[in-house]
Amino acid sequence: MQPSSPAAADTHLSRKHRALVALYTLDAGHLSREEILRLNNVSEADLAEHEEEWLRLRCRNPSMV
């Protein structure tokens, strides 16, 4: 059975939110980049577009730094 992501394409999350979930998942390092992009139905461009916001969000939670 393949791991699933809460942001998989069958959810109603926006592209922005799927990209943010993908960035957090990438940071955790448990899956390959390609798998994370596929599971979250996002592209490298989506990640780049939302990376600055993700960095701001990370800084708001001291346990993530």
PDB file of N, CA and C in Angstrom:
ATOM      1  N   MET A   1       0.848  -1.182   0.000  1.00  0.00           N
ATOM      2  CA  MET A   1       0.000   0.000   0.000  1.00  0.00           C
ATOM      3  C   MET A   1       0.889   1.240   0.000  1.00  0.00           C
ATOM      4  N   GLN A   2       0.605   2.191  -0.876  1.00  0.00           N
ATOM      5  CA  GLN A   2       1.386   3.413  -0.951  1.00  0.00           C
ATOM      6  C   GLN A   2       0.924   4.399   0.100  1.00  0.00           C
ATOM      7  N   PRO A   3       1.871   5.185   0.644  1.00  0.00           N
ATOM      8  CA  PRO A   3       1.460   6.198   1.616  1.00  0.00           C
ATOM      9  C   PRO A   3       0.583   7.233   0.945  1.00  0.00           C
ATOM     10  N   SER A   4      -0.345   7.763   1.706  1.00  0.00           N
ATOM     11  CA  SER A   4      -1.197   8.804   1.143  1.00  0.00           C
ATOM     12  C   SER A   4      -0.937  10.101   1.872  1.00  0.00           C
ATOM     13  N   SER A   5      -1.349  11.169   1.260  1.00  0.00           N
ATOM     14  CA  SER A   5      -1.152  12.493   1.831  1.00  0.00           C
ATOM     15  C   SER A   5      -2.500  13.118   2.098  1.00  0.00           C
ATOM     16  N   PRO A   6      -2.627  13.884   3.188  1.00  0.00           N
ATOM     17  CA  PRO A   6      -3.899  14.553   3.449  1.00  0.00           C
ATOM     18  C   PRO A   6      -4.229  15.586   2.384  1.00  0.00           C
ATOM     19  N   ALA A   7      -3.254  15.943   1.580  1.00  0.00           N
ATOM     20  CA  ALA A   7      -3.490  16.950   0.550  1.00  0.00           C
ATOM     21  C   ALA A   7      -3.626  16.327  -0.832  1.00  0.00           C
ATOM     22  N   ALA A   8      -3.863  15.046  -0.896  1.00  0.00           N
ATOM     23  CA  ALA A   8      -3.984  14.378  -2.186  1.00  0.00           C
ATOM     24  C   ALA A   8      -5.046  15.039  -3.052  1.00  0.00           C
ATOM     25  N   ALA A   9      -4.959  14.790  -4.334  1.00  0.00           N
ATOM     26  CA  ALA A   9      -5.802  15.486  -5.307  1.00  0.00           C
ATOM     27  C   ALA A   9      -7.297  15.313  -5.074  1.00  0.00           C
ATOM     28  N   ASP A  10      -7.722  14.278  -4.359  1.00  0.00           N
ATOM     29  CA  ASP A  10      -9.155  14.063  -4.166  1.00  0.00           C
ATOM     30  C   ASP A  10      -9.727  14.904  -3.018  1.00  0.00           C
ATOM     31  N   THR A  11      -8.914  15.741  -2.376  1.00  0.00           N
ATOM     32  CA  THR A  11      -9.424  16.631  -1.339  1.00  0.00           C
ATOM     33  C   THR A  11      -9.834  17.952  -1.967  1.00  0.00           C
ATOM     34  N   HIS A  12     -10.371  18.826  -1.151  1.00  0.00           N
ATOM     35  CA  HIS A  12     -10.833  20.116  -1.654  1.00  0.00           C
ATOM     36  C   HIS A  12      -9.885  21.246  -1.277  1.00  0.00           C
ATOM     37  N   LEU A  13      -8.635  20.918  -1.009  1.00  0.00           N
ATOM     38  CA  LEU A  13      -7.664  21.950  -0.689  1.00  0.00           C
ATOM     39  C   LEU A  13      -7.275  22.721  -1.944  1.00  0.00           C
ATOM     40  N   SER A  14      -7.009  23.993  -1.770  1.00  0.00           N
ATOM     41  CA  SER A  14      -6.557  24.817  -2.892  1.00  0.00           C
ATOM     42  C   SER A  14      -5.132  24.420  -3.277  1.00  0.00           C
ATOM     43  N   ARG A  15      -4.711  24.847  -4.444  1.00  0.00           N
ATOM     44  CA  ARG A  15      -3.345  24.577  -4.896  1.00  0.00           C
ATOM     45  C   ARG A  15      -2.337  25.159  -3.901  1.00  0.00           C
ATOM     46  N   LYS A  16      -2.624  26.350  -3.393  1.00  0.00           N
ATOM     47  CA  LYS A  16      -1.753  26.988  -2.397  1.00  0.00           C
ATOM     48  C   LYS A  16      -1.592  26.095  -1.168  1.00  0.00           C
ATOM     49  N   HIS A  17      -2.695  25.605  -0.638  1.00  0.00           N
ATOM     50  CA  HIS A  17      -2.625  24.776   0.564  1.00  0.00           C
ATOM     51  C   HIS A  17      -1.958  23.430   0.288  1.00  0.00           C
ATOM     52  N   ARG A  18      -2.199  22.859  -0.891  1.00  0.00           N
ATOM     53  CA  ARG A  18      -1.505  21.614  -1.247  1.00  0.00           C
ATOM     54  C   ARG A  18      -0.002  21.851  -1.340  1.00  0.00           C
ATOM     55  N   ALA A  19       0.395  23.014  -1.880  1.00  0.00           N
ATOM     56  CA  ALA A  19       1.821  23.346  -1.976  1.00  0.00           C
ATOM     57  C   ALA A  19       2.429  23.510  -0.586  1.00  0.00           C
ATOM     58  N   LEU A  20       1.706  24.155   0.318  1.00  0.00           N
ATOM     59  CA  LEU A  20       2.210  24.322   1.686  1.00  0.00           C
ATOM     60  C   LEU A  20       2.376  22.969   2.374  1.00  0.00           C
ATOM     61  N   VAL A  21       1.401  22.086   2.211  1.00  0.00           N
ATOM     62  CA  VAL A  21       1.512  20.737   2.783  1.00  0.00           C
ATOM     63  C   VAL A  21       2.722  20.024   2.184  1.00  0.00           C
ATOM     64  N   ALA A  22       2.906  20.155   0.876  1.00  0.00           N
ATOM     65  CA  ALA A  22       4.049  19.515   0.217  1.00  0.00           C
ATOM     66  C   ALA A  22       5.368  20.049   0.768  1.00  0.00           C
ATOM     67  N   LEU A  23       5.454  21.347   1.003  1.00  0.00           N
ATOM     68  CA  LEU A  23       6.684  21.931   1.545  1.00  0.00           C
ATOM     69  C   LEU A  23       6.977  21.404   2.950  1.00  0.00           C
ATOM     70  N   TYR A  24       5.960  21.299   3.779  1.00  0.00           N
ATOM     71  CA  TYR A  24       6.155  20.719   5.119  1.00  0.00           C
ATOM     72  C   TYR A  24       6.583  19.254   5.010  1.00  0.00           C
ATOM     73  N   THR A  25       5.986  18.526   4.087  1.00  0.00           N
ATOM     74  CA  THR A  25       6.323  17.115   3.906  1.00  0.00           C
ATOM     75  C   THR A  25       7.754  16.964   3.403  1.00  0.00           C
ATOM     76  N   LEU A  26       8.154  17.823   2.470  1.00  0.00           N
ATOM     77  CA  LEU A  26       9.538  17.805   1.995  1.00  0.00           C
ATOM     78  C   LEU A  26      10.504  18.063   3.147  1.00  0.00           C
ATOM     79  N   ASP A  27      10.162  19.009   3.984  1.00  0.00           N
ATOM     80  CA  ASP A  27      11.015  19.354   5.119  1.00  0.00           C
ATOM     81  C   ASP A  27      11.167  18.171   6.075  1.00  0.00           C
ATOM     82  N   ALA A  28      10.122  17.373   6.209  1.00  0.00           N
ATOM     83  CA  ALA A  28      10.172  16.204   7.095  1.00  0.00           C
ATOM     84  C   ALA A  28      11.088  15.118   6.533  1.00  0.00           C
ATOM     85  N   GLY A  29      11.217  15.069   5.206  1.00  0.00           N
ATOM     86  CA  GLY A  29      12.159  14.156   4.577  1.00  0.00           C
ATOM     87  C   GLY A  29      11.786  12.691   4.552  1.00  0.00           C
ATOM     88  N   HIS A  30      10.502  12.363   4.645  1.00  0.00           N
ATOM     89  CA  HIS A  30      10.102  10.952   4.693  1.00  0.00           C
ATOM     90  C   HIS A  30       9.815  10.334   3.328  1.00  0.00           C
ATOM     91  N   LEU A  31       9.569  11.161   2.323  1.00  0.00           N
ATOM     92  CA  LEU A  31       9.264  10.662   0.979  1.00  0.00           C
ATOM     93  C   LEU A  31      10.146  11.379  -0.032  1.00  0.00           C
ATOM     94  N   SER A  32      10.240  10.813  -1.218  1.00  0.00           N
ATOM     95  CA  SER A  32      11.007  11.471  -2.275  1.00  0.00           C
ATOM     96  C   SER A  32      10.254  12.713  -2.766  1.00  0.00           C
ATOM     97  N   ARG A  33      11.000  13.639  -3.304  1.00  0.00           N
ATOM     98  CA  ARG A  33      10.414  14.876  -3.831  1.00  0.00           C
ATOM     99  C   ARG A  33       9.355  14.567  -4.889  1.00  0.00           C
ATOM    100  N   GLU A  34       9.680  13.659  -5.793  1.00  0.00           N
ATOM    101  CA  GLU A  34       8.745  13.297  -6.865  1.00  0.00           C
ATOM    102  C   GLU A  34       7.442  12.742  -6.302  1.00  0.00           C
ATOM    103  N   GLU A  35       7.558  11.896  -5.283  1.00  0.00           N
ATOM    104  CA  GLU A  35       6.366  11.301  -4.669  1.00  0.00           C
ATOM    105  C   GLU A  35       5.517  12.374  -3.981  1.00  0.00           C
ATOM    106  N   ILE A  36       6.160  13.281  -3.297  1.00  0.00           N
ATOM    107  CA  ILE A  36       5.436  14.359  -2.613  1.00  0.00           C
ATOM    108  C   ILE A  36       4.709  15.243  -3.617  1.00  0.00           C
ATOM    109  N   LEU A  37       5.376  15.587  -4.707  1.00  0.00           N
ATOM    110  CA  LEU A  37       4.720  16.394  -5.744  1.00  0.00           C
ATOM    111  C   LEU A  37       3.508  15.657  -6.310  1.00  0.00           C
ATOM    112  N   ARG A  38       3.676  14.363  -6.567  1.00  0.00           N
ATOM    113  CA  ARG A  38       2.578  13.569  -7.132  1.00  0.00           C
ATOM    114  C   ARG A  38       1.418  13.454  -6.151  1.00  0.00           C
ATOM    115  N   LEU A  39       1.715  13.114  -4.906  1.00  0.00           N
ATOM    116  CA  LEU A  39       0.656  12.918  -3.914  1.00  0.00           C
ATOM    117  C   LEU A  39      -0.139  14.195  -3.645  1.00  0.00           C
ATOM    118  N   ASN A  40       0.534  15.329  -3.743  1.00  0.00           N
ATOM    119  CA  ASN A  40      -0.124  16.598  -3.455  1.00  0.00           C
ATOM    120  C   ASN A  40      -0.604  17.319  -4.706  1.00  0.00           C
ATOM    121  N   ASN A  41      -0.354  16.712  -5.859  1.00  0.00           N
ATOM    122  CA  ASN A  41      -0.800  17.269  -7.134  1.00  0.00           C
ATOM    123  C   ASN A  41      -0.342  18.720  -7.294  1.00  0.00           C
ATOM    124  N   VAL A  42       0.970  18.938  -7.072  1.00  0.00           N
ATOM    125  CA  VAL A  42       1.568  20.256  -7.243  1.00  0.00           C
ATOM    126  C   VAL A  42       2.834  20.127  -8.081  1.00  0.00           C
ATOM    127  N   SER A  43       3.294  21.262  -8.590  1.00  0.00           N
ATOM    128  CA  SER A  43       4.500  21.298  -9.412  1.00  0.00           C
ATOM    129  C   SER A  43       5.615  22.029  -8.673  1.00  0.00           C
ATOM    130  N   GLU A  44       6.807  21.966  -9.242  1.00  0.00           N
ATOM    131  CA  GLU A  44       7.925  22.734  -8.693  1.00  0.00           C
ATOM    132  C   GLU A  44       7.587  24.225  -8.698  1.00  0.00           C
ATOM    133  N   ALA A  45       6.894  24.680  -9.733  1.00  0.00           N
ATOM    134  CA  ALA A  45       6.494  26.092  -9.807  1.00  0.00           C
ATOM    135  C   ALA A  45       5.552  26.455  -8.663  1.00  0.00           C
ATOM    136  N   ASP A  46       4.643  25.544  -8.318  1.00  0.00           N
ATOM    137  CA  ASP A  46       3.733  25.785  -7.187  1.00  0.00           C
ATOM    138  C   ASP A  46       4.528  25.936  -5.888  1.00  0.00           C
ATOM    139  N   LEU A  47       5.520  25.067  -5.701  1.00  0.00           N
ATOM    140  CA  LEU A  47       6.341  25.146  -4.494  1.00  0.00           C
ATOM    141  C   LEU A  47       7.084  26.476  -4.438  1.00  0.00           C
ATOM    142  N   ALA A  48       7.668  26.860  -5.557  1.00  0.00           N
ATOM    143  CA  ALA A  48       8.418  28.118  -5.606  1.00  0.00           C
ATOM    144  C   ALA A  48       7.509  29.311  -5.322  1.00  0.00           C
ATOM    145  N   GLU A  49       6.304  29.271  -5.859  1.00  0.00           N
ATOM    146  CA  GLU A  49       5.359  30.370  -5.674  1.00  0.00           C
ATOM    147  C   GLU A  49       4.988  30.566  -4.202  1.00  0.00           C
ATOM    148  N   HIS A  50       4.916  29.486  -3.446  1.00  0.00           N
ATOM    149  CA  HIS A  50       4.424  29.563  -2.065  1.00  0.00           C
ATOM    150  C   HIS A  50       5.509  29.350  -1.006  1.00  0.00           C
ATOM    151  N   GLU A  51       6.758  29.211  -1.432  1.00  0.00           N
ATOM    152  CA  GLU A  51       7.833  28.939  -0.470  1.00  0.00           C
ATOM    153  C   GLU A  51       8.030  30.085   0.525  1.00  0.00           C
ATOM    154  N   GLU A  52       7.955  31.321   0.068  1.00  0.00           N
ATOM    155  CA  GLU A  52       8.152  32.458   0.978  1.00  0.00           C
ATOM    156  C   GLU A  52       7.101  32.460   2.093  1.00  0.00           C
ATOM    157  N   GLU A  53       5.854  32.202   1.726  1.00  0.00           N
ATOM    158  CA  GLU A  53       4.796  32.136   2.747  1.00  0.00           C
ATOM    159  C   GLU A  53       5.045  30.978   3.708  1.00  0.00           C
ATOM    160  N   TRP A  54       5.462  29.831   3.173  1.00  0.00           N
ATOM    161  CA  TRP A  54       5.758  28.676   4.018  1.00  0.00           C
ATOM    162  C   TRP A  54       6.864  29.007   5.017  1.00  0.00           C
ATOM    163  N   LEU A  55       7.903  29.717   4.571  1.00  0.00           N
ATOM    164  CA  LEU A  55       8.986  30.105   5.477  1.00  0.00           C
ATOM    165  C   LEU A  55       8.473  31.025   6.581  1.00  0.00           C
ATOM    166  N   ARG A  56       7.588  31.948   6.241  1.00  0.00           N
ATOM    167  CA  ARG A  56       6.990  32.821   7.261  1.00  0.00           C
ATOM    168  C   ARG A  56       6.172  32.002   8.257  1.00  0.00           C
ATOM    169  N   LEU A  57       5.399  31.055   7.758  1.00  0.00           N
ATOM    170  CA  LEU A  57       4.587  30.212   8.638  1.00  0.00           C
ATOM    171  C   LEU A  57       5.469  29.387   9.572  1.00  0.00           C
ATOM    172  N   ARG A  58       6.541  28.850   9.056  1.00  0.00           N
ATOM    173  CA  ARG A  58       7.466  28.056   9.881  1.00  0.00           C
ATOM    174  C   ARG A  58       8.036  28.884  11.014  1.00  0.00           C
ATOM    175  N   CYS A  59       8.358  30.131  10.736  1.00  0.00           N
ATOM    176  CA  CYS A  59       8.964  31.001  11.755  1.00  0.00           C
ATOM    177  C   CYS A  59       7.982  31.354  12.858  1.00  0.00           C
ATOM    178  N   ARG A  60       6.702  31.215  12.595  1.00  0.00           N
ATOM    179  CA  ARG A  60       5.695  31.515  13.612  1.00  0.00           C
ATOM    180  C   ARG A  60       5.614  30.419  14.657  1.00  0.00           C
ATOM    181  N   ASN A  61       6.115  29.227  14.337  1.00  0.00           N
ATOM    182  CA  ASN A  61       6.057  28.097  15.261  1.00  0.00           C
ATOM    183  C   ASN A  61       7.481  27.733  15.677  1.00  0.00           C
ATOM    184  N   PRO A  62       7.925  28.166  16.864  1.00  0.00           N
ATOM    185  CA  PRO A  62       9.308  27.921  17.288  1.00  0.00           C
ATOM    186  C   PRO A  62       9.705  26.444  17.307  1.00  0.00           C
ATOM    187  N   SER A  63       8.772  25.538  17.469  1.00  0.00           N
ATOM    188  CA  SER A  63       9.121  24.114  17.494  1.00  0.00           C
ATOM    189  C   SER A  63       9.540  23.604  16.120  1.00  0.00           C
ATOM    190  N   MET A  64       9.220  24.338  15.054  1.00  0.00           N
ATOM    191  CA  MET A  64       9.558  23.912  13.696  1.00  0.00           C
ATOM    192  C   MET A  64      10.924  24.440  13.259  1.00  0.00           C
ATOM    193  N   VAL A  65      11.507  25.350  13.993  1.00  0.00           N
ATOM    194  CA  VAL A  65      12.766  25.983  13.574  1.00  0.00           C
ATOM    195  C   VAL A  65      13.948  25.196  14.071  1.00  0.00           C
TER     196      VAL A  65
END
